C-alpha cells in the first residue's frame, strides 16, 4: 500500500463528497483522495486530524472491497436493482453507512472498483452521484489509455528482457500519481456541489 496516492484537499461545507478511492482488479488500492480538510494546508506534512481522516477513509475503502468480494454482494445488487427499477439501475450500490458516511461503490467491466464516501447529513441525488462516478471512470480511462503517456520512455534500461516495463507492469498507481488525475478528480468533485 506504500505506492497509493495520498491527497487531502479542501472542500466547502456544502460539498457532501468526503472521499473517492479506486481499487484495481487485483484488489490493490490505487488511489484515494480526501475532500474533508477544514482548510487548505500549505505545509508539506498533513495535520494529525487529516491523517486520521485519511486512515478512516482508507479503512472504509477496504471495507467496501470486502463487500464487493463477499458472496452476499450479488444479493445486495439484486435487492437495490429491484428497489430502483431495472431501467434506472446502473451498478452503483450503497454498500454501507459508517460514522455518518454513506459509502457507495461501482465495479466496472474491467474490475476497477470506484468507491465514493458521502456525508450522510447532506441529501444527495443518486443520479448526480452516478454521473460523478461515471465521470471519474471516464477520467481514469482517458488517462490510462492516453497513447502519449509513455512518450520518450523507450530506453533499454526501462524494459526487461521480455519487453515489459521494469517492475512487472507499469502500474496504474504510477499513472494516477500525476497531477492531471488529481486535478481532474478535484474539479469533478467541486462541480458536484
N, C-alpha and C. Protein backbone atom coordinates (compact mmCIF):
# COMPACT_ATOMS: atom_id res chain seq x y z
N UNK A 1 0.81 -1.20 0.00
CA UNK A 1 0.00 0.00 0.00
C UNK A 1 0.85 1.26 0.00
N UNK A 2 2.14 1.12 0.05
CA UNK A 2 3.02 2.28 0.12
C UNK A 2 2.97 3.11 -1.14
N UNK A 3 2.51 2.51 -2.24
CA UNK A 3 2.52 3.23 -3.50
C UNK A 3 1.22 3.95 -3.80
N UNK A 4 0.25 3.91 -2.89
CA UNK A 4 -1.01 4.59 -3.17
C UNK A 4 -0.84 6.08 -3.09
N UNK A 5 -1.64 6.78 -3.86
CA UNK A 5 -1.61 8.24 -3.89
C UNK A 5 -2.42 8.75 -2.72
N UNK A 6 -1.81 9.60 -1.90
CA UNK A 6 -2.48 10.17 -0.74
C UNK A 6 -2.66 11.65 -0.98
N UNK A 7 -3.87 12.11 -0.91
CA UNK A 7 -4.15 13.51 -1.12
C UNK A 7 -5.24 13.96 -0.18
N UNK A 8 -5.08 15.11 0.41
CA UNK A 8 -6.10 15.70 1.25
C UNK A 8 -6.39 17.08 0.67
N UNK A 9 -7.61 17.29 0.22
CA UNK A 9 -7.99 18.53 -0.43
C UNK A 9 -9.02 19.26 0.42
N UNK A 10 -9.08 20.55 0.24
CA UNK A 10 -10.08 21.36 0.94
C UNK A 10 -11.44 21.18 0.29
N UNK A 11 -12.47 21.36 1.04
CA UNK A 11 -13.80 21.29 0.49
C UNK A 11 -14.67 22.35 1.15
N UNK A 12 -15.74 22.67 0.46
CA UNK A 12 -16.67 23.62 1.05
C UNK A 12 -17.59 22.86 1.98
N UNK A 13 -18.25 23.59 2.86
CA UNK A 13 -19.11 22.95 3.85
C UNK A 13 -20.31 22.28 3.20
N UNK A 14 -20.71 22.70 2.01
CA UNK A 14 -21.88 22.14 1.37
C UNK A 14 -21.55 20.96 0.46
N UNK A 15 -20.31 20.62 0.30
CA UNK A 15 -19.94 19.51 -0.56
C UNK A 15 -20.06 18.21 0.22
N UNK A 16 -20.96 17.31 -0.20
CA UNK A 16 -21.15 16.07 0.56
C UNK A 16 -20.08 15.01 0.30
N UNK A 17 -19.29 15.15 -0.75
CA UNK A 17 -18.30 14.13 -1.09
C UNK A 17 -17.16 14.20 -0.08
N UNK A 18 -16.91 13.09 0.59
CA UNK A 18 -15.84 13.06 1.59
C UNK A 18 -14.57 12.41 1.07
N UNK A 19 -14.71 11.39 0.23
CA UNK A 19 -13.53 10.77 -0.35
C UNK A 19 -13.90 10.00 -1.61
N UNK A 20 -12.90 9.77 -2.44
CA UNK A 20 -13.02 8.91 -3.62
C UNK A 20 -11.80 8.02 -3.64
N UNK A 21 -12.03 6.74 -3.87
CA UNK A 21 -10.90 5.82 -3.99
C UNK A 21 -11.13 4.89 -5.18
N UNK A 22 -10.03 4.41 -5.74
CA UNK A 22 -10.06 3.46 -6.84
C UNK A 22 -9.29 2.21 -6.43
N UNK A 23 -9.88 1.06 -6.69
CA UNK A 23 -9.27 -0.22 -6.35
C UNK A 23 -9.18 -1.05 -7.62
N UNK A 24 -8.01 -1.64 -7.85
CA UNK A 24 -7.76 -2.37 -9.08
C UNK A 24 -8.47 -3.72 -9.11
N UNK A 25 -8.40 -4.36 -10.25
CA UNK A 25 -8.96 -5.69 -10.44
C UNK A 25 -8.31 -6.68 -9.47
N UNK A 26 -7.02 -6.48 -9.19
CA UNK A 26 -6.30 -7.36 -8.27
C UNK A 26 -6.45 -6.92 -6.82
N UNK A 27 -7.42 -6.06 -6.54
CA UNK A 27 -7.79 -5.61 -5.20
C UNK A 27 -6.70 -4.80 -4.52
N UNK A 28 -5.95 -4.04 -5.31
CA UNK A 28 -4.92 -3.13 -4.79
C UNK A 28 -5.49 -1.71 -4.77
N UNK A 29 -5.31 -1.03 -3.65
CA UNK A 29 -5.77 0.34 -3.56
C UNK A 29 -4.88 1.21 -4.45
N UNK A 30 -5.45 1.74 -5.52
CA UNK A 30 -4.68 2.51 -6.49
C UNK A 30 -4.60 3.98 -6.13
N UNK A 31 -5.70 4.50 -5.60
CA UNK A 31 -5.81 5.94 -5.44
C UNK A 31 -6.85 6.22 -4.36
N UNK A 32 -6.57 7.22 -3.53
CA UNK A 32 -7.56 7.69 -2.58
C UNK A 32 -7.33 9.18 -2.38
N UNK A 33 -8.41 9.93 -2.40
CA UNK A 33 -8.34 11.37 -2.21
C UNK A 33 -9.44 11.78 -1.25
N UNK A 34 -9.06 12.53 -0.22
CA UNK A 34 -10.00 13.00 0.78
C UNK A 34 -10.36 14.45 0.48
N UNK A 35 -11.62 14.78 0.70
CA UNK A 35 -12.09 16.14 0.45
C UNK A 35 -12.64 16.78 1.70
N UNK A 36 -12.23 16.32 2.88
CA UNK A 36 -12.79 16.82 4.12
C UNK A 36 -11.82 17.59 4.98
N UNK A 37 -10.85 18.23 4.40
CA UNK A 37 -9.92 19.07 5.16
C UNK A 37 -10.62 20.38 5.47
N UNK A 38 -10.48 20.84 6.68
CA UNK A 38 -11.15 22.09 7.09
C UNK A 38 -10.57 23.29 6.37
N UNK A 39 -9.28 23.28 6.14
CA UNK A 39 -8.65 24.37 5.41
C UNK A 39 -7.48 23.82 4.63
N UNK A 40 -7.17 24.47 3.54
CA UNK A 40 -6.05 24.03 2.73
C UNK A 40 -4.76 24.31 3.47
N UNK A 41 -3.96 23.28 3.63
CA UNK A 41 -2.70 23.44 4.33
C UNK A 41 -1.59 23.65 3.33
N UNK A 42 -0.67 24.52 3.66
CA UNK A 42 0.47 24.76 2.79
C UNK A 42 1.67 23.96 3.27
N UNK A 43 1.58 23.37 4.44
CA UNK A 43 2.68 22.57 4.95
C UNK A 43 2.80 21.28 4.16
N UNK A 44 4.01 20.75 4.07
CA UNK A 44 4.25 19.52 3.35
C UNK A 44 3.64 18.33 4.08
N UNK A 45 3.57 18.39 5.40
CA UNK A 45 3.02 17.31 6.20
C UNK A 45 1.56 17.58 6.51
N UNK A 46 0.70 16.55 6.35
CA UNK A 46 -0.69 16.74 6.77
C UNK A 46 -0.78 16.79 8.29
N UNK A 47 -1.83 17.44 8.79
CA UNK A 47 -2.02 17.54 10.23
C UNK A 47 -2.49 16.19 10.77
N UNK A 48 -2.49 16.09 12.10
CA UNK A 48 -2.89 14.84 12.76
C UNK A 48 -4.33 14.47 12.40
N UNK A 49 -5.24 15.44 12.43
CA UNK A 49 -6.64 15.14 12.13
C UNK A 49 -6.83 14.75 10.66
N UNK A 50 -6.07 15.37 9.75
CA UNK A 50 -6.15 14.98 8.34
C UNK A 50 -5.66 13.56 8.13
N UNK A 51 -4.61 13.19 8.84
CA UNK A 51 -4.09 11.82 8.75
C UNK A 51 -5.11 10.83 9.28
N UNK A 52 -5.75 11.15 10.39
CA UNK A 52 -6.79 10.28 10.94
C UNK A 52 -7.96 10.13 9.97
N UNK A 53 -8.37 11.23 9.33
CA UNK A 53 -9.45 11.17 8.35
C UNK A 53 -9.05 10.28 7.18
N UNK A 54 -7.82 10.47 6.70
CA UNK A 54 -7.35 9.66 5.59
C UNK A 54 -7.35 8.17 5.96
N UNK A 55 -6.86 7.85 7.15
CA UNK A 55 -6.83 6.45 7.58
C UNK A 55 -8.24 5.88 7.69
N UNK A 56 -9.17 6.70 8.18
CA UNK A 56 -10.56 6.25 8.27
C UNK A 56 -11.13 5.97 6.88
N UNK A 57 -10.85 6.86 5.92
CA UNK A 57 -11.35 6.65 4.56
C UNK A 57 -10.64 5.48 3.89
N UNK A 58 -9.39 5.27 4.21
CA UNK A 58 -8.67 4.11 3.71
C UNK A 58 -9.33 2.82 4.24
N UNK A 59 -9.67 2.83 5.52
CA UNK A 59 -10.35 1.70 6.13
C UNK A 59 -11.72 1.47 5.47
N UNK A 60 -12.47 2.54 5.23
CA UNK A 60 -13.77 2.42 4.55
C UNK A 60 -13.61 1.81 3.16
N UNK A 61 -12.54 2.20 2.46
CA UNK A 61 -12.30 1.64 1.12
C UNK A 61 -12.08 0.14 1.20
N UNK A 62 -11.34 -0.30 2.21
CA UNK A 62 -11.11 -1.74 2.37
C UNK A 62 -12.37 -2.47 2.82
N UNK A 63 -13.20 -1.81 3.62
CA UNK A 63 -14.49 -2.40 3.99
C UNK A 63 -15.35 -2.58 2.74
N UNK A 64 -15.35 -1.58 1.87
CA UNK A 64 -16.12 -1.66 0.63
C UNK A 64 -15.60 -2.81 -0.25
N UNK A 65 -14.29 -2.97 -0.29
CA UNK A 65 -13.71 -4.07 -1.06
C UNK A 65 -14.17 -5.41 -0.50
N UNK A 66 -14.23 -5.54 0.82
CA UNK A 66 -14.73 -6.78 1.43
C UNK A 66 -16.16 -7.07 1.01
N UNK A 67 -16.98 -6.02 0.90
CA UNK A 67 -18.37 -6.22 0.48
C UNK A 67 -18.41 -6.63 -0.98
N UNK A 68 -17.59 -6.01 -1.84
CA UNK A 68 -17.55 -6.41 -3.24
C UNK A 68 -17.15 -7.88 -3.39
N UNK A 69 -16.22 -8.34 -2.56
CA UNK A 69 -15.72 -9.71 -2.66
C UNK A 69 -16.62 -10.73 -1.98
N UNK A 70 -17.55 -10.26 -1.17
CA UNK A 70 -18.44 -11.14 -0.42
C UNK A 70 -19.45 -11.80 -1.36
N UNK A 71 -19.78 -13.06 -1.07
CA UNK A 71 -20.83 -13.72 -1.88
C UNK A 71 -22.19 -13.04 -1.75
N UNK A 72 -22.40 -12.30 -0.68
CA UNK A 72 -23.69 -11.63 -0.50
C UNK A 72 -23.81 -10.37 -1.35
N UNK A 73 -22.73 -9.96 -2.02
CA UNK A 73 -22.81 -8.75 -2.84
C UNK A 73 -23.77 -8.92 -4.00
N UNK A 74 -23.90 -10.15 -4.51
CA UNK A 74 -24.87 -10.39 -5.59
C UNK A 74 -26.29 -10.14 -5.10
N UNK A 75 -26.59 -10.59 -3.88
CA UNK A 75 -27.92 -10.34 -3.31
C UNK A 75 -28.15 -8.86 -3.11
N UNK A 76 -27.10 -8.12 -2.67
CA UNK A 76 -27.19 -6.67 -2.49
C UNK A 76 -27.48 -5.99 -3.82
N UNK A 77 -26.81 -6.42 -4.88
CA UNK A 77 -27.04 -5.85 -6.21
C UNK A 77 -28.46 -6.11 -6.68
N UNK A 78 -28.93 -7.33 -6.50
CA UNK A 78 -30.29 -7.66 -6.92
C UNK A 78 -31.32 -6.86 -6.14
N UNK A 79 -31.12 -6.75 -4.84
CA UNK A 79 -32.06 -6.01 -3.99
C UNK A 79 -32.14 -4.54 -4.41
N UNK A 80 -30.99 -3.90 -4.61
CA UNK A 80 -31.01 -2.49 -4.98
C UNK A 80 -31.52 -2.29 -6.40
N UNK A 81 -31.27 -3.23 -7.31
CA UNK A 81 -31.79 -3.07 -8.67
C UNK A 81 -33.31 -3.19 -8.68
N UNK A 82 -33.87 -4.04 -7.81
CA UNK A 82 -35.33 -4.16 -7.72
C UNK A 82 -35.94 -2.91 -7.10
N UNK A 83 -35.28 -2.34 -6.09
CA UNK A 83 -35.79 -1.14 -5.44
C UNK A 83 -35.75 0.05 -6.38
N UNK A 84 -34.70 0.16 -7.18
CA UNK A 84 -34.54 1.32 -8.06
C UNK A 84 -35.23 1.12 -9.39
N UNK A 85 -35.58 -0.10 -9.72
CA UNK A 85 -36.13 -0.39 -11.03
C UNK A 85 -34.98 -0.74 -11.97
N UNK A 86 -35.15 -1.78 -12.73
CA UNK A 86 -34.07 -2.28 -13.59
C UNK A 86 -33.62 -1.26 -14.62
N UNK A 87 -34.54 -0.40 -15.08
CA UNK A 87 -34.17 0.59 -16.09
C UNK A 87 -33.31 1.72 -15.50
N UNK A 88 -33.37 1.95 -14.18
CA UNK A 88 -32.58 3.01 -13.56
C UNK A 88 -31.30 2.50 -12.93
N UNK A 89 -31.19 1.20 -12.71
CA UNK A 89 -30.02 0.63 -12.04
C UNK A 89 -28.86 0.55 -13.02
N UNK A 90 -27.71 1.09 -12.61
CA UNK A 90 -26.54 1.03 -13.49
C UNK A 90 -25.28 0.62 -12.74
N UNK A 91 -25.43 -0.14 -11.67
CA UNK A 91 -24.28 -0.70 -11.00
C UNK A 91 -23.77 0.06 -9.79
N UNK A 92 -24.29 1.24 -9.48
CA UNK A 92 -23.85 1.99 -8.31
C UNK A 92 -24.64 1.48 -7.10
N UNK A 93 -23.89 0.98 -6.10
CA UNK A 93 -24.52 0.39 -4.93
C UNK A 93 -24.24 1.20 -3.67
N UNK A 94 -25.21 1.28 -2.80
CA UNK A 94 -24.97 1.76 -1.45
C UNK A 94 -24.44 0.56 -0.69
N UNK A 95 -23.15 0.58 -0.35
CA UNK A 95 -22.51 -0.57 0.27
C UNK A 95 -22.74 -0.62 1.78
N UNK A 96 -22.55 0.51 2.45
CA UNK A 96 -22.76 0.57 3.89
C UNK A 96 -22.76 2.02 4.35
N UNK A 97 -23.20 2.23 5.60
CA UNK A 97 -23.15 3.54 6.25
C UNK A 97 -22.38 3.35 7.55
N UNK A 98 -21.33 4.15 7.73
CA UNK A 98 -20.48 4.04 8.91
C UNK A 98 -20.03 5.43 9.31
N UNK A 99 -20.18 5.79 10.57
CA UNK A 99 -19.72 7.08 11.11
C UNK A 99 -20.22 8.26 10.28
N UNK A 100 -21.49 8.26 9.96
CA UNK A 100 -22.14 9.33 9.19
C UNK A 100 -21.61 9.45 7.76
N UNK A 101 -21.00 8.39 7.24
CA UNK A 101 -20.52 8.38 5.86
C UNK A 101 -21.24 7.26 5.12
N UNK A 102 -21.95 7.64 4.06
CA UNK A 102 -22.59 6.66 3.18
C UNK A 102 -21.56 6.29 2.12
N UNK A 103 -21.24 5.02 2.02
CA UNK A 103 -20.21 4.57 1.09
C UNK A 103 -20.88 3.86 -0.07
N UNK A 104 -20.70 4.45 -1.26
CA UNK A 104 -21.24 3.89 -2.50
C UNK A 104 -20.09 3.27 -3.28
N UNK A 105 -20.43 2.27 -4.09
CA UNK A 105 -19.40 1.62 -4.88
C UNK A 105 -19.90 1.26 -6.27
N UNK A 106 -18.97 1.18 -7.18
CA UNK A 106 -19.25 0.80 -8.56
C UNK A 106 -18.12 -0.10 -9.04
N UNK A 107 -18.45 -1.22 -9.66
CA UNK A 107 -17.44 -2.10 -10.24
C UNK A 107 -17.63 -2.11 -11.75
N UNK A 108 -16.57 -1.74 -12.46
CA UNK A 108 -16.64 -1.66 -13.91
C UNK A 108 -16.46 -3.04 -14.54
N UNK A 109 -16.64 -3.10 -15.85
CA UNK A 109 -16.48 -4.36 -16.58
C UNK A 109 -15.07 -4.91 -16.48
N UNK A 110 -14.07 -4.02 -16.35
CA UNK A 110 -12.68 -4.48 -16.29
C UNK A 110 -12.22 -4.72 -14.85
N UNK A 111 -13.12 -4.67 -13.88
CA UNK A 111 -12.79 -5.00 -12.50
C UNK A 111 -12.37 -3.82 -11.64
N UNK A 112 -12.29 -2.62 -12.19
CA UNK A 112 -11.95 -1.44 -11.40
C UNK A 112 -13.13 -1.12 -10.49
N UNK A 113 -12.82 -0.86 -9.23
CA UNK A 113 -13.87 -0.51 -8.27
C UNK A 113 -13.67 0.95 -7.86
N UNK A 114 -14.73 1.73 -7.99
CA UNK A 114 -14.71 3.14 -7.60
C UNK A 114 -15.58 3.27 -6.36
N UNK A 115 -14.97 3.80 -5.29
CA UNK A 115 -15.66 3.94 -4.02
C UNK A 115 -15.80 5.43 -3.73
N UNK A 116 -17.01 5.86 -3.34
CA UNK A 116 -17.26 7.27 -3.03
C UNK A 116 -17.94 7.33 -1.67
N UNK A 117 -17.36 8.13 -0.77
CA UNK A 117 -17.96 8.37 0.54
C UNK A 117 -18.70 9.70 0.54
N UNK A 118 -19.94 9.67 1.01
CA UNK A 118 -20.81 10.85 1.01
C UNK A 118 -21.28 11.13 2.43
N UNK A 119 -21.29 12.40 2.81
CA UNK A 119 -21.77 12.79 4.12
C UNK A 119 -23.25 12.46 4.24
N UNK A 120 -23.61 11.72 5.26
CA UNK A 120 -24.99 11.29 5.44
C UNK A 120 -25.92 12.45 5.78
N UNK A 121 -25.39 13.51 6.37
CA UNK A 121 -26.21 14.63 6.80
C UNK A 121 -26.68 15.50 5.64
N UNK A 122 -26.03 15.37 4.49
CA UNK A 122 -26.39 16.20 3.33
C UNK A 122 -27.08 15.32 2.30
N UNK A 123 -28.26 15.74 1.89
CA UNK A 123 -29.04 14.98 0.92
C UNK A 123 -28.35 15.01 -0.46
N UNK A 124 -28.27 13.84 -1.07
CA UNK A 124 -27.59 13.71 -2.36
C UNK A 124 -28.51 13.02 -3.35
N UNK A 125 -28.60 13.58 -4.55
CA UNK A 125 -29.34 12.95 -5.61
C UNK A 125 -28.49 11.81 -6.18
N UNK A 126 -29.02 10.60 -6.12
CA UNK A 126 -28.26 9.43 -6.54
C UNK A 126 -27.92 9.49 -8.03
N UNK A 127 -28.77 10.10 -8.83
CA UNK A 127 -28.46 10.23 -10.27
C UNK A 127 -27.24 11.10 -10.48
N UNK A 128 -27.10 12.17 -9.69
CA UNK A 128 -25.89 13.02 -9.79
C UNK A 128 -24.66 12.27 -9.31
N UNK A 129 -24.83 11.44 -8.27
CA UNK A 129 -23.72 10.64 -7.77
C UNK A 129 -23.29 9.62 -8.84
N UNK A 130 -24.24 9.01 -9.52
CA UNK A 130 -23.91 8.09 -10.62
C UNK A 130 -23.13 8.80 -11.71
N UNK A 131 -23.54 10.03 -12.01
CA UNK A 131 -22.83 10.80 -13.03
C UNK A 131 -21.41 11.10 -12.59
N UNK A 132 -21.22 11.45 -11.31
CA UNK A 132 -19.88 11.71 -10.79
C UNK A 132 -19.01 10.45 -10.91
N UNK A 133 -19.54 9.31 -10.53
CA UNK A 133 -18.77 8.07 -10.61
C UNK A 133 -18.43 7.75 -12.06
N UNK A 134 -19.38 7.93 -12.96
CA UNK A 134 -19.10 7.70 -14.38
C UNK A 134 -18.06 8.67 -14.91
N UNK A 135 -18.10 9.92 -14.47
CA UNK A 135 -17.10 10.90 -14.90
C UNK A 135 -15.70 10.55 -14.38
N UNK A 136 -15.63 10.06 -13.13
CA UNK A 136 -14.33 9.63 -12.59
C UNK A 136 -13.81 8.44 -13.40
N UNK A 137 -14.69 7.53 -13.74
CA UNK A 137 -14.29 6.36 -14.54
C UNK A 137 -13.80 6.79 -15.93
N UNK A 138 -14.50 7.73 -16.54
CA UNK A 138 -14.06 8.23 -17.86
C UNK A 138 -12.72 8.93 -17.77
N UNK A 139 -12.51 9.71 -16.70
CA UNK A 139 -11.22 10.36 -16.49
C UNK A 139 -10.11 9.32 -16.32
N UNK A 140 -10.38 8.29 -15.56
CA UNK A 140 -9.43 7.20 -15.36
C UNK A 140 -9.07 6.55 -16.72
N UNK A 141 -10.08 6.24 -17.50
CA UNK A 141 -9.83 5.61 -18.81
C UNK A 141 -9.09 6.54 -19.75
N UNK A 142 -9.44 7.81 -19.73
CA UNK A 142 -8.77 8.78 -20.60
C UNK A 142 -7.28 8.88 -20.27
N UNK A 143 -6.95 8.87 -19.00
CA UNK A 143 -5.54 8.96 -18.61
C UNK A 143 -4.82 7.64 -18.84
N UNK A 144 -5.48 6.53 -18.52
CA UNK A 144 -4.86 5.22 -18.68
C UNK A 144 -4.63 4.88 -20.15
N UNK A 145 -5.55 5.27 -21.00
CA UNK A 145 -5.48 4.91 -22.42
C UNK A 145 -4.81 5.99 -23.28
N UNK A 146 -4.20 6.97 -22.66
CA UNK A 146 -3.52 8.02 -23.41
C UNK A 146 -2.32 7.42 -24.13
N UNK A 147 -2.29 7.44 -25.46
CA UNK A 147 -1.18 6.82 -26.18
C UNK A 147 0.14 7.57 -26.02
N UNK A 148 0.10 8.79 -25.53
CA UNK A 148 1.32 9.59 -25.41
C UNK A 148 1.90 9.58 -23.99
N UNK A 149 1.32 8.82 -23.07
CA UNK A 149 1.79 8.86 -21.69
C UNK A 149 3.18 8.28 -21.52
N UNK A 150 3.61 7.36 -22.40
CA UNK A 150 4.94 6.76 -22.31
C UNK A 150 5.89 7.35 -23.33
N UNK A 151 5.52 8.46 -23.92
CA UNK A 151 6.34 9.07 -24.96
C UNK A 151 7.73 9.39 -24.41
N UNK A 152 8.76 8.87 -25.07
CA UNK A 152 10.13 9.12 -24.66
C UNK A 152 10.67 8.14 -23.65
N UNK A 153 9.93 7.09 -23.31
CA UNK A 153 10.39 6.10 -22.33
C UNK A 153 10.74 4.78 -23.01
N UNK A 154 11.49 4.81 -24.06
CA UNK A 154 11.80 3.59 -24.80
C UNK A 154 13.21 3.09 -24.59
N UNK A 155 13.92 3.56 -23.57
CA UNK A 155 15.29 3.12 -23.37
C UNK A 155 15.32 1.69 -22.88
N UNK A 156 16.40 1.00 -23.19
CA UNK A 156 16.55 -0.40 -22.80
C UNK A 156 16.60 -0.57 -21.30
N UNK A 157 17.06 0.43 -20.57
CA UNK A 157 17.14 0.34 -19.11
C UNK A 157 15.76 0.28 -18.47
N UNK A 158 14.73 0.79 -19.15
CA UNK A 158 13.39 0.80 -18.59
C UNK A 158 12.61 -0.45 -18.93
N UNK A 159 13.16 -1.32 -19.75
CA UNK A 159 12.46 -2.54 -20.14
C UNK A 159 13.26 -3.75 -19.73
N UNK A 160 12.55 -4.82 -19.34
CA UNK A 160 13.27 -6.05 -19.03
C UNK A 160 13.42 -6.87 -20.30
N UNK A 161 13.93 -8.08 -20.20
CA UNK A 161 14.21 -8.89 -21.39
C UNK A 161 12.96 -9.29 -22.16
N UNK A 162 11.80 -9.32 -21.52
CA UNK A 162 10.57 -9.68 -22.23
C UNK A 162 9.95 -8.48 -22.94
N UNK A 163 10.49 -7.31 -22.72
CA UNK A 163 9.96 -6.12 -23.37
C UNK A 163 8.96 -5.38 -22.53
N UNK A 164 8.62 -5.91 -21.37
CA UNK A 164 7.66 -5.24 -20.48
C UNK A 164 8.38 -4.20 -19.65
N UNK A 165 7.60 -3.31 -19.06
CA UNK A 165 8.17 -2.29 -18.19
C UNK A 165 8.86 -2.95 -17.02
N UNK A 166 9.94 -2.36 -16.55
CA UNK A 166 10.63 -2.88 -15.38
C UNK A 166 9.70 -2.86 -14.19
N UNK A 167 9.78 -3.91 -13.35
CA UNK A 167 8.90 -3.99 -12.19
C UNK A 167 7.58 -4.64 -12.50
N UNK A 168 7.49 -5.44 -13.56
CA UNK A 168 6.25 -6.12 -13.91
C UNK A 168 5.44 -5.28 -14.86
N UNK A 169 4.34 -4.72 -14.41
CA UNK A 169 3.53 -3.83 -15.24
C UNK A 169 3.82 -2.39 -14.83
N UNK A 170 3.52 -1.50 -15.75
CA UNK A 170 3.80 -0.09 -15.47
C UNK A 170 3.09 0.36 -14.22
N UNK A 171 1.95 -0.19 -13.98
CA UNK A 171 1.23 0.12 -12.75
C UNK A 171 0.33 1.32 -12.91
N UNK A 172 -0.94 1.06 -12.68
CA UNK A 172 -1.92 2.14 -12.73
C UNK A 172 -1.63 3.16 -11.64
N UNK A 173 -1.03 2.71 -10.56
CA UNK A 173 -0.73 3.61 -9.44
C UNK A 173 0.17 4.74 -9.88
N UNK A 174 1.18 4.42 -10.67
CA UNK A 174 2.11 5.45 -11.14
C UNK A 174 1.40 6.45 -12.05
N UNK A 175 0.50 5.95 -12.87
CA UNK A 175 -0.24 6.82 -13.79
C UNK A 175 -1.14 7.77 -13.00
N UNK A 176 -1.76 7.25 -11.94
CA UNK A 176 -2.70 8.05 -11.17
C UNK A 176 -2.03 9.01 -10.21
N UNK A 177 -0.70 8.92 -10.05
CA UNK A 177 0.02 9.84 -9.17
C UNK A 177 0.19 11.21 -9.79
N UNK A 178 -0.07 11.33 -11.05
CA UNK A 178 0.12 12.60 -11.72
C UNK A 178 -0.89 13.65 -11.30
N UNK A 179 -0.49 14.89 -11.48
CA UNK A 179 -1.37 16.00 -11.10
C UNK A 179 -2.58 16.09 -12.02
N UNK A 180 -2.48 15.54 -13.21
CA UNK A 180 -3.61 15.60 -14.15
C UNK A 180 -4.82 14.85 -13.59
N UNK A 181 -4.59 13.66 -13.06
CA UNK A 181 -5.69 12.89 -12.49
C UNK A 181 -6.20 13.54 -11.21
N UNK A 182 -5.29 13.98 -10.34
CA UNK A 182 -5.68 14.66 -9.11
C UNK A 182 -6.56 15.88 -9.38
N UNK A 183 -6.08 16.73 -10.26
CA UNK A 183 -6.84 17.95 -10.54
C UNK A 183 -8.15 17.63 -11.25
N UNK A 184 -8.15 16.58 -12.06
CA UNK A 184 -9.39 16.17 -12.71
C UNK A 184 -10.44 15.70 -11.72
N UNK A 185 -10.03 14.86 -10.77
CA UNK A 185 -10.96 14.39 -9.74
C UNK A 185 -11.43 15.55 -8.88
N UNK A 186 -10.50 16.42 -8.51
CA UNK A 186 -10.87 17.58 -7.68
C UNK A 186 -11.89 18.47 -8.40
N UNK A 187 -11.70 18.71 -9.67
CA UNK A 187 -12.66 19.56 -10.39
C UNK A 187 -14.01 18.87 -10.54
N UNK A 188 -14.02 17.55 -10.70
CA UNK A 188 -15.30 16.83 -10.76
C UNK A 188 -16.05 16.94 -9.43
N UNK A 189 -15.34 16.83 -8.33
CA UNK A 189 -15.98 16.93 -7.02
C UNK A 189 -16.45 18.37 -6.77
N UNK A 190 -15.65 19.35 -7.16
CA UNK A 190 -16.07 20.75 -6.99
C UNK A 190 -17.31 21.05 -7.82
N UNK A 191 -17.42 20.47 -9.01
CA UNK A 191 -18.60 20.71 -9.84
C UNK A 191 -19.82 19.93 -9.35
N UNK A 192 -19.61 19.00 -8.44
CA UNK A 192 -20.72 18.22 -7.89
C UNK A 192 -21.63 19.06 -7.01
N UNK A 193 -21.08 20.09 -6.38
CA UNK A 193 -21.84 20.93 -5.45
C UNK A 193 -22.96 21.64 -6.16
